[in-house]
Amino acid sequence: MTTPRDNWEQLASEPLDDQDGVVMDRLAALYTALDPVPTHLTEELIFAISLEAMHAELATLVESDLALAARGTGAAQPTEVRTLTFSSESLTAMVTISAAGPDRVRIDGWVAPAPHATVELRQGGAESQMTTADEDGRFAFEDVPHGLTQFVVRPAEANTHPPVVTPNVEL
């Protein structure tokens, strides 16, 4: 007497056919509809792998504020300004993000206590932008496209302090 289990075992040992392909396609469509892959997963994985390779110190996002500000006296409408503060064991960084066009932002930042630190702005798939913080720890990136972004701060004393990497943020 054959049991249902015997049938399953026999079917499982057979090669896949067109009917199996149809069933798998339907299952894939179901999973895609119910639990799609996050849109930025690939970029986040690339950043994570890069971070691991760098042996860097990881900063955490400790504060995020959204405010309205006017630029200059002739501003017709207030501009949305977002402020993010990151902290690590060796330094604190604050960045202010403001509109610089329909699809661009300006980033003004401060890092302490790391005067003359090199600050790298990384975006998935794009070339990194670099700048150096002044003696007060101030730095800026004037023309940055929207997208998933990460900052890497390399203190001037690179031999004694590892780079500090922020978590990914969406601009």
N, C-alpha and C. Protein backbone atom coordinates (compact mmCIF):
# COMPACT_ATOMS: atom_id res chain seq x y z
N MET A 1 0.83 -1.18 0.00
CA MET A 1 0.00 0.00 0.00
C MET A 1 0.88 1.25 0.00
N THR A 2 0.57 2.17 -0.88
CA THR A 2 1.34 3.41 -1.02
C THR A 2 0.72 4.49 -0.14
N THR A 3 1.55 5.21 0.59
CA THR A 3 1.07 6.30 1.45
C THR A 3 1.34 7.64 0.76
N PRO A 4 0.66 8.72 1.20
CA PRO A 4 0.94 10.05 0.63
C PRO A 4 2.40 10.43 0.75
N ARG A 5 3.02 9.99 1.84
CA ARG A 5 4.44 10.30 2.03
C ARG A 5 5.28 9.65 0.95
N ASP A 6 4.96 8.44 0.57
CA ASP A 6 5.68 7.75 -0.50
C ASP A 6 5.57 8.52 -1.81
N ASN A 7 4.37 9.06 -2.08
CA ASN A 7 4.17 9.86 -3.29
C ASN A 7 5.04 11.11 -3.28
N TRP A 8 5.08 11.79 -2.14
CA TRP A 8 5.90 13.01 -2.04
C TRP A 8 7.38 12.69 -2.24
N GLU A 9 7.82 11.62 -1.62
CA GLU A 9 9.22 11.24 -1.77
C GLU A 9 9.55 10.90 -3.22
N GLN A 10 8.62 10.21 -3.89
CA GLN A 10 8.84 9.88 -5.30
C GLN A 10 8.87 11.15 -6.15
N LEU A 11 7.90 12.07 -5.92
CA LEU A 11 7.85 13.32 -6.67
C LEU A 11 9.09 14.18 -6.41
N ALA A 12 9.56 14.19 -5.16
CA ALA A 12 10.73 15.00 -4.80
C ALA A 12 11.99 14.51 -5.49
N SER A 13 12.05 13.22 -5.81
CA SER A 13 13.25 12.68 -6.44
C SER A 13 13.26 12.87 -7.96
N GLU A 14 12.13 13.29 -8.54
CA GLU A 14 12.06 13.49 -9.98
C GLU A 14 12.62 14.85 -10.37
N PRO A 15 13.11 14.97 -11.62
CA PRO A 15 13.61 16.29 -12.07
C PRO A 15 12.46 17.29 -12.19
N LEU A 16 12.81 18.57 -12.10
CA LEU A 16 11.81 19.63 -12.22
C LEU A 16 11.28 19.69 -13.64
N ASP A 17 9.98 19.96 -13.77
CA ASP A 17 9.37 20.09 -15.09
C ASP A 17 8.70 21.46 -15.19
N ASP A 18 7.99 21.69 -16.29
CA ASP A 18 7.34 22.98 -16.52
C ASP A 18 6.32 23.31 -15.44
N GLN A 19 5.59 22.33 -14.97
CA GLN A 19 4.59 22.56 -13.92
C GLN A 19 5.28 23.05 -12.65
N ASP A 20 6.44 22.48 -12.30
CA ASP A 20 7.19 22.95 -11.13
C ASP A 20 7.60 24.40 -11.32
N GLY A 21 8.02 24.75 -12.53
CA GLY A 21 8.41 26.13 -12.81
C GLY A 21 7.26 27.10 -12.61
N VAL A 22 6.06 26.72 -13.02
CA VAL A 22 4.87 27.56 -12.84
C VAL A 22 4.60 27.76 -11.35
N VAL A 23 4.68 26.69 -10.58
CA VAL A 23 4.43 26.77 -9.13
C VAL A 23 5.48 27.69 -8.48
N MET A 24 6.73 27.53 -8.85
CA MET A 24 7.79 28.37 -8.26
C MET A 24 7.63 29.83 -8.65
N ASP A 25 7.25 30.10 -9.89
CA ASP A 25 7.00 31.49 -10.31
C ASP A 25 5.88 32.11 -9.49
N ARG A 26 4.82 31.34 -9.25
CA ARG A 26 3.70 31.86 -8.45
C ARG A 26 4.12 32.11 -7.01
N LEU A 27 4.92 31.21 -6.44
CA LEU A 27 5.42 31.42 -5.08
C LEU A 27 6.31 32.66 -5.01
N ALA A 28 7.16 32.84 -6.00
CA ALA A 28 8.04 34.02 -6.03
C ALA A 28 7.21 35.29 -6.11
N ALA A 29 6.16 35.29 -6.94
CA ALA A 29 5.30 36.47 -7.05
C ALA A 29 4.58 36.75 -5.74
N LEU A 30 4.16 35.70 -5.05
CA LEU A 30 3.49 35.85 -3.76
C LEU A 30 4.44 36.48 -2.74
N TYR A 31 5.65 35.98 -2.64
CA TYR A 31 6.63 36.54 -1.70
C TYR A 31 7.01 37.97 -2.07
N THR A 32 7.13 38.26 -3.34
CA THR A 32 7.44 39.62 -3.78
C THR A 32 6.33 40.58 -3.39
N ALA A 33 5.08 40.14 -3.50
CA ALA A 33 3.94 41.00 -3.14
C ALA A 33 3.82 41.17 -1.62
N LEU A 34 4.03 40.09 -0.87
CA LEU A 34 3.83 40.13 0.58
C LEU A 34 5.04 40.65 1.35
N ASP A 35 6.24 40.39 0.86
CA ASP A 35 7.46 40.77 1.58
C ASP A 35 8.54 41.16 0.59
N PRO A 36 8.38 42.33 -0.08
CA PRO A 36 9.36 42.70 -1.11
C PRO A 36 10.73 43.03 -0.50
N VAL A 37 11.75 42.89 -1.31
CA VAL A 37 13.10 43.25 -0.90
C VAL A 37 13.13 44.76 -0.67
N PRO A 38 13.65 45.24 0.46
CA PRO A 38 13.73 46.68 0.69
C PRO A 38 14.49 47.37 -0.44
N THR A 39 14.04 48.57 -0.81
CA THR A 39 14.59 49.26 -1.98
C THR A 39 16.08 49.55 -1.85
N HIS A 40 16.58 49.81 -0.68
CA HIS A 40 17.99 50.20 -0.53
C HIS A 40 18.86 49.08 0.05
N LEU A 41 18.36 47.85 0.06
CA LEU A 41 19.09 46.75 0.68
C LEU A 41 20.46 46.55 0.06
N THR A 42 20.54 46.56 -1.26
CA THR A 42 21.83 46.33 -1.93
C THR A 42 22.84 47.40 -1.54
N GLU A 43 22.43 48.68 -1.57
CA GLU A 43 23.34 49.76 -1.19
C GLU A 43 23.78 49.62 0.26
N GLU A 44 22.85 49.28 1.15
CA GLU A 44 23.20 49.13 2.57
C GLU A 44 24.18 47.98 2.77
N LEU A 45 24.01 46.89 2.05
CA LEU A 45 24.94 45.77 2.17
C LEU A 45 26.34 46.16 1.68
N ILE A 46 26.42 46.91 0.60
CA ILE A 46 27.72 47.36 0.10
C ILE A 46 28.41 48.23 1.14
N PHE A 47 27.65 49.16 1.75
CA PHE A 47 28.21 50.00 2.81
C PHE A 47 28.68 49.15 3.98
N ALA A 48 27.87 48.18 4.38
CA ALA A 48 28.22 47.34 5.53
C ALA A 48 29.49 46.54 5.26
N ILE A 49 29.61 46.00 4.07
CA ILE A 49 30.81 45.24 3.71
C ILE A 49 32.03 46.16 3.71
N SER A 50 31.87 47.37 3.18
CA SER A 50 32.97 48.33 3.16
C SER A 50 33.39 48.69 4.58
N LEU A 51 32.42 48.89 5.47
CA LEU A 51 32.70 49.22 6.85
C LEU A 51 33.51 48.13 7.52
N GLU A 52 33.11 46.88 7.31
CA GLU A 52 33.81 45.77 7.91
C GLU A 52 35.26 45.73 7.44
N ALA A 53 35.49 46.02 6.17
CA ALA A 53 36.84 45.98 5.61
C ALA A 53 37.72 47.10 6.17
N MET A 54 37.10 48.19 6.60
CA MET A 54 37.88 49.35 7.08
C MET A 54 38.32 49.23 8.53
N HIS A 55 37.71 48.37 9.31
CA HIS A 55 37.98 48.28 10.75
C HIS A 55 37.81 49.65 11.39
N ALA A 56 36.69 50.26 11.12
CA ALA A 56 36.41 51.61 11.59
C ALA A 56 35.57 51.58 12.85
N GLU A 57 35.55 52.73 13.49
CA GLU A 57 34.68 52.93 14.64
C GLU A 57 33.32 53.36 14.11
N LEU A 58 32.27 52.80 14.64
CA LEU A 58 30.93 53.10 14.15
C LEU A 58 30.25 54.14 15.04
N ALA A 59 29.80 55.22 14.43
CA ALA A 59 29.05 56.24 15.16
C ALA A 59 27.58 55.84 15.16
N THR A 60 26.84 56.35 16.12
CA THR A 60 25.41 56.11 16.15
C THR A 60 24.68 57.43 15.96
N LEU A 61 23.50 57.35 15.39
CA LEU A 61 22.66 58.53 15.24
C LEU A 61 22.01 58.78 16.58
N VAL A 62 22.34 59.92 17.21
CA VAL A 62 21.80 60.19 18.54
C VAL A 62 20.67 61.22 18.52
N GLU A 63 20.58 61.99 17.45
CA GLU A 63 19.53 62.99 17.39
C GLU A 63 19.23 63.35 15.95
N SER A 64 17.96 63.59 15.68
CA SER A 64 17.53 64.00 14.35
C SER A 64 16.42 65.01 14.51
N ASP A 65 16.59 66.20 13.95
CA ASP A 65 15.60 67.27 14.05
C ASP A 65 15.23 67.76 12.67
N LEU A 66 14.01 68.21 12.52
CA LEU A 66 13.53 68.82 11.28
C LEU A 66 13.00 70.19 11.65
N ALA A 67 13.44 71.22 10.92
CA ALA A 67 13.00 72.59 11.21
C ALA A 67 12.81 73.33 9.90
N LEU A 68 12.21 74.50 9.98
CA LEU A 68 12.06 75.38 8.83
C LEU A 68 12.97 76.58 9.04
N ALA A 69 13.63 77.00 7.98
CA ALA A 69 14.52 78.15 8.07
C ALA A 69 14.40 78.96 6.79
N ALA A 70 14.61 80.25 6.89
CA ALA A 70 14.60 81.12 5.72
C ALA A 70 16.03 81.37 5.30
N ARG A 71 16.28 81.34 4.00
CA ARG A 71 17.62 81.64 3.47
C ARG A 71 17.61 83.04 2.93
N GLY A 72 18.32 83.94 3.54
CA GLY A 72 18.43 85.31 3.05
C GLY A 72 17.15 86.10 3.24
N THR A 73 17.21 87.37 2.95
CA THR A 73 16.05 88.23 3.17
C THR A 73 15.02 88.09 2.08
N GLY A 74 15.39 87.61 0.90
CA GLY A 74 14.44 87.51 -0.20
C GLY A 74 13.80 86.14 -0.33
N ALA A 75 13.93 85.30 0.68
CA ALA A 75 13.37 83.95 0.58
C ALA A 75 11.85 84.01 0.53
N ALA A 76 11.29 83.46 -0.53
CA ALA A 76 9.84 83.48 -0.70
C ALA A 76 9.18 82.48 0.24
N GLN A 77 9.80 81.35 0.46
CA GLN A 77 9.23 80.32 1.32
C GLN A 77 10.32 79.81 2.25
N PRO A 78 9.95 79.40 3.44
CA PRO A 78 10.97 78.80 4.32
C PRO A 78 11.48 77.49 3.72
N THR A 79 12.71 77.18 4.02
CA THR A 79 13.34 75.96 3.54
C THR A 79 13.37 74.94 4.67
N GLU A 80 13.09 73.70 4.34
CA GLU A 80 13.17 72.63 5.31
C GLU A 80 14.63 72.33 5.59
N VAL A 81 15.00 72.27 6.87
CA VAL A 81 16.38 71.99 7.28
C VAL A 81 16.34 70.81 8.25
N ARG A 82 17.18 69.85 7.97
CA ARG A 82 17.26 68.65 8.81
C ARG A 82 18.62 68.61 9.47
N THR A 83 18.64 68.37 10.76
CA THR A 83 19.90 68.29 11.50
C THR A 83 20.05 66.89 12.09
N LEU A 84 21.21 66.29 11.84
CA LEU A 84 21.52 64.96 12.36
C LEU A 84 22.76 65.05 13.23
N THR A 85 22.74 64.38 14.37
CA THR A 85 23.91 64.34 15.24
C THR A 85 24.33 62.89 15.42
N PHE A 86 25.61 62.64 15.18
CA PHE A 86 26.20 61.31 15.31
C PHE A 86 27.23 61.34 16.43
N SER A 87 27.33 60.24 17.15
CA SER A 87 28.30 60.19 18.23
C SER A 87 29.02 58.85 18.23
N SER A 88 30.31 58.91 18.54
CA SER A 88 31.11 57.69 18.69
C SER A 88 31.98 57.89 19.93
N GLU A 89 32.77 56.89 20.22
CA GLU A 89 33.64 56.98 21.39
C GLU A 89 34.64 58.13 21.27
N SER A 90 35.12 58.38 20.04
CA SER A 90 36.20 59.37 19.88
C SER A 90 35.75 60.73 19.38
N LEU A 91 34.54 60.85 18.79
CA LEU A 91 34.13 62.17 18.30
C LEU A 91 32.62 62.27 18.14
N THR A 92 32.16 63.51 17.95
CA THR A 92 30.77 63.81 17.67
C THR A 92 30.72 64.61 16.38
N ALA A 93 29.75 64.32 15.54
CA ALA A 93 29.58 65.07 14.30
C ALA A 93 28.12 65.48 14.17
N MET A 94 27.92 66.69 13.69
CA MET A 94 26.57 67.19 13.45
C MET A 94 26.54 67.68 12.02
N VAL A 95 25.49 67.31 11.29
CA VAL A 95 25.32 67.79 9.91
C VAL A 95 23.94 68.42 9.78
N THR A 96 23.90 69.51 9.03
CA THR A 96 22.65 70.18 8.71
C THR A 96 22.44 70.04 7.21
N ILE A 97 21.27 69.56 6.83
CA ILE A 97 20.95 69.29 5.44
C ILE A 97 19.86 70.26 5.00
N SER A 98 20.15 71.03 3.95
CA SER A 98 19.16 71.99 3.45
C SER A 98 19.08 71.87 1.93
N ALA A 99 17.94 72.28 1.38
CA ALA A 99 17.72 72.18 -0.06
C ALA A 99 18.69 73.08 -0.82
N ALA A 100 19.19 72.56 -1.94
CA ALA A 100 20.09 73.33 -2.81
C ALA A 100 19.59 73.27 -4.24
N GLY A 101 18.37 72.87 -4.43
CA GLY A 101 17.78 72.71 -5.76
C GLY A 101 16.72 71.64 -5.68
N PRO A 102 16.05 71.37 -6.79
CA PRO A 102 14.95 70.40 -6.76
C PRO A 102 15.38 68.99 -6.38
N ASP A 103 16.59 68.60 -6.72
CA ASP A 103 17.04 67.24 -6.41
C ASP A 103 18.41 67.22 -5.75
N ARG A 104 18.79 68.33 -5.14
CA ARG A 104 20.11 68.46 -4.52
C ARG A 104 19.98 69.05 -3.11
N VAL A 105 20.98 68.79 -2.29
CA VAL A 105 21.04 69.36 -0.94
C VAL A 105 22.43 69.93 -0.68
N ARG A 106 22.49 70.80 0.30
CA ARG A 106 23.76 71.32 0.82
C ARG A 106 23.90 70.75 2.22
N ILE A 107 25.11 70.34 2.54
CA ILE A 107 25.40 69.79 3.86
C ILE A 107 26.45 70.65 4.53
N ASP A 108 26.11 71.19 5.70
CA ASP A 108 27.06 71.91 6.54
C ASP A 108 27.28 71.07 7.78
N GLY A 109 28.53 70.87 8.15
CA GLY A 109 28.80 69.98 9.27
C GLY A 109 29.86 70.51 10.21
N TRP A 110 29.87 69.91 11.39
CA TRP A 110 30.85 70.22 12.42
C TRP A 110 31.26 68.90 13.05
N VAL A 111 32.54 68.76 13.28
CA VAL A 111 33.05 67.56 13.92
C VAL A 111 33.93 67.98 15.09
N ALA A 112 33.79 67.32 16.22
CA ALA A 112 34.57 67.67 17.41
C ALA A 112 34.95 66.39 18.14
N PRO A 113 36.09 66.28 18.67
CA PRO A 113 37.20 67.23 18.65
C PRO A 113 38.19 66.89 17.56
N ALA A 114 37.84 67.06 16.32
CA ALA A 114 38.71 66.62 15.22
C ALA A 114 38.96 67.74 14.22
N PRO A 115 39.67 68.80 14.61
CA PRO A 115 39.99 69.82 13.61
C PRO A 115 40.87 69.21 12.52
N HIS A 116 40.67 69.68 11.31
CA HIS A 116 41.44 69.24 10.15
C HIS A 116 41.20 67.77 9.79
N ALA A 117 40.10 67.21 10.28
CA ALA A 117 39.74 65.84 9.90
C ALA A 117 39.33 65.82 8.44
N THR A 118 39.57 64.70 7.78
CA THR A 118 39.07 64.50 6.42
C THR A 118 37.68 63.91 6.53
N VAL A 119 36.73 64.50 5.81
CA VAL A 119 35.35 64.01 5.84
C VAL A 119 35.01 63.51 4.44
N GLU A 120 34.57 62.28 4.38
CA GLU A 120 34.16 61.67 3.11
C GLU A 120 32.66 61.46 3.12
N LEU A 121 32.02 61.86 2.03
CA LEU A 121 30.59 61.63 1.84
C LEU A 121 30.46 60.51 0.83
N ARG A 122 29.83 59.40 1.22
CA ARG A 122 29.69 58.24 0.36
C ARG A 122 28.23 58.02 0.02
N GLN A 123 27.97 57.76 -1.25
CA GLN A 123 26.63 57.42 -1.71
C GLN A 123 26.74 56.21 -2.61
N GLY A 124 25.85 55.24 -2.43
CA GLY A 124 25.89 54.01 -3.21
C GLY A 124 25.91 54.28 -4.70
N GLY A 125 26.87 53.71 -5.39
CA GLY A 125 26.94 53.83 -6.84
C GLY A 125 27.55 55.12 -7.35
N ALA A 126 27.82 56.07 -6.47
CA ALA A 126 28.40 57.35 -6.90
C ALA A 126 29.81 57.48 -6.34
N GLU A 127 30.59 58.34 -6.97
CA GLU A 127 31.94 58.58 -6.49
C GLU A 127 31.88 59.38 -5.19
N SER A 128 32.74 59.04 -4.24
CA SER A 128 32.78 59.74 -2.96
C SER A 128 33.20 61.19 -3.15
N GLN A 129 32.69 62.04 -2.26
CA GLN A 129 33.15 63.43 -2.20
C GLN A 129 33.97 63.58 -0.93
N MET A 130 35.06 64.36 -0.99
CA MET A 130 35.93 64.54 0.17
C MET A 130 36.11 66.02 0.45
N THR A 131 36.27 66.34 1.73
CA THR A 131 36.62 67.69 2.13
C THR A 131 37.39 67.60 3.45
N THR A 132 37.96 68.70 3.87
CA THR A 132 38.71 68.75 5.12
C THR A 132 38.05 69.75 6.05
N ALA A 133 37.84 69.34 7.29
CA ALA A 133 37.28 70.23 8.30
C ALA A 133 38.32 71.29 8.66
N ASP A 134 37.86 72.51 8.90
CA ASP A 134 38.80 73.58 9.28
C ASP A 134 39.23 73.45 10.74
N GLU A 135 39.95 74.44 11.24
CA GLU A 135 40.47 74.37 12.61
C GLU A 135 39.36 74.34 13.66
N ASP A 136 38.15 74.77 13.30
CA ASP A 136 37.01 74.70 14.21
C ASP A 136 36.18 73.44 14.00
N GLY A 137 36.59 72.57 13.09
CA GLY A 137 35.88 71.34 12.83
C GLY A 137 34.74 71.48 11.82
N ARG A 138 34.63 72.64 11.15
CA ARG A 138 33.55 72.87 10.19
C ARG A 138 33.91 72.35 8.81
N PHE A 139 32.87 71.82 8.12
CA PHE A 139 33.05 71.35 6.75
C PHE A 139 31.73 71.52 6.01
N ALA A 140 31.78 71.44 4.67
CA ALA A 140 30.56 71.58 3.87
C ALA A 140 30.68 70.80 2.57
N PHE A 141 29.53 70.33 2.10
CA PHE A 141 29.38 69.75 0.77
C PHE A 141 28.24 70.53 0.13
N GLU A 142 28.52 71.22 -0.98
CA GLU A 142 27.55 72.17 -1.52
C GLU A 142 26.53 71.60 -2.48
N ASP A 143 26.82 70.55 -3.17
CA ASP A 143 25.93 70.07 -4.23
C ASP A 143 25.83 68.55 -4.18
N VAL A 144 24.93 68.05 -3.34
CA VAL A 144 24.84 66.62 -3.09
C VAL A 144 23.48 66.10 -3.58
N PRO A 145 23.47 65.04 -4.39
CA PRO A 145 22.19 64.49 -4.82
C PRO A 145 21.48 63.76 -3.67
N HIS A 146 20.17 63.68 -3.76
CA HIS A 146 19.41 62.90 -2.79
C HIS A 146 19.83 61.45 -2.90
N GLY A 147 19.70 60.71 -1.81
CA GLY A 147 20.00 59.29 -1.83
C GLY A 147 20.56 58.81 -0.52
N LEU A 148 20.79 57.53 -0.43
CA LEU A 148 21.35 56.91 0.76
C LEU A 148 22.79 57.38 0.92
N THR A 149 23.12 57.90 2.10
CA THR A 149 24.40 58.57 2.31
C THR A 149 25.04 58.12 3.63
N GLN A 150 26.34 58.12 3.63
CA GLN A 150 27.12 57.76 4.81
C GLN A 150 28.33 58.70 4.87
N PHE A 151 28.73 59.08 6.08
CA PHE A 151 29.89 59.93 6.27
C PHE A 151 31.00 59.11 6.92
N VAL A 152 32.23 59.34 6.47
CA VAL A 152 33.41 58.73 7.08
C VAL A 152 34.31 59.88 7.51
N VAL A 153 34.62 59.93 8.80
CA VAL A 153 35.48 60.99 9.34
C VAL A 153 36.82 60.35 9.70
N ARG A 154 37.87 60.89 9.09
CA ARG A 154 39.22 60.39 9.38
C ARG A 154 39.97 61.50 10.11
N PRO A 155 40.18 61.32 11.42
CA PRO A 155 40.89 62.35 12.19
C PRO A 155 42.28 62.60 11.62
N ALA A 156 42.78 63.83 11.82
CA ALA A 156 44.11 64.18 11.32
C ALA A 156 45.17 63.24 11.89
N GLU A 157 44.96 62.77 13.12
CA GLU A 157 45.90 61.83 13.74
C GLU A 157 45.49 60.41 13.37
N ALA A 158 45.49 60.10 12.09
CA ALA A 158 45.01 58.81 11.59
C ALA A 158 45.77 57.62 12.18
N ASN A 159 47.01 57.84 12.57
CA ASN A 159 47.81 56.74 13.12
C ASN A 159 47.33 56.33 14.50
N THR A 160 46.71 57.26 15.25
CA THR A 160 46.29 56.95 16.61
C THR A 160 44.79 56.74 16.74
N HIS A 161 43.99 57.20 15.77
CA HIS A 161 42.54 57.06 15.83
C HIS A 161 42.01 56.44 14.54
N PRO A 162 41.16 55.43 14.65
CA PRO A 162 40.58 54.84 13.43
C PRO A 162 39.56 55.79 12.83
N PRO A 163 39.20 55.59 11.56
CA PRO A 163 38.13 56.39 10.98
C PRO A 163 36.81 56.11 11.71
N VAL A 164 35.92 57.07 11.67
CA VAL A 164 34.60 56.94 12.27
C VAL A 164 33.57 56.97 11.14
N VAL A 165 32.68 55.97 11.13
CA VAL A 165 31.70 55.84 10.06
C VAL A 165 30.30 56.00 10.65
N THR A 166 29.48 56.81 9.99
CA THR A 166 28.10 56.99 10.45
C THR A 166 27.20 55.92 9.85
N PRO A 167 26.05 55.72 10.45
CA PRO A 167 25.07 54.85 9.79
C PRO A 167 24.56 55.50 8.51
N ASN A 168 23.94 54.74 7.66
CA ASN A 168 23.36 55.26 6.42
C ASN A 168 22.16 56.14 6.74
N VAL A 169 22.07 57.29 6.05
CA VAL A 169 20.91 58.17 6.19
C VAL A 169 20.41 58.51 4.80
N GLU A 170 19.13 58.73 4.69
CA GLU A 170 18.53 59.10 3.40
C GLU A 170 18.45 60.62 3.32
N LEU A 171 19.05 61.19 2.28
CA LEU A 171 18.98 62.64 2.08
C LEU A 171 17.80 62.98 1.21
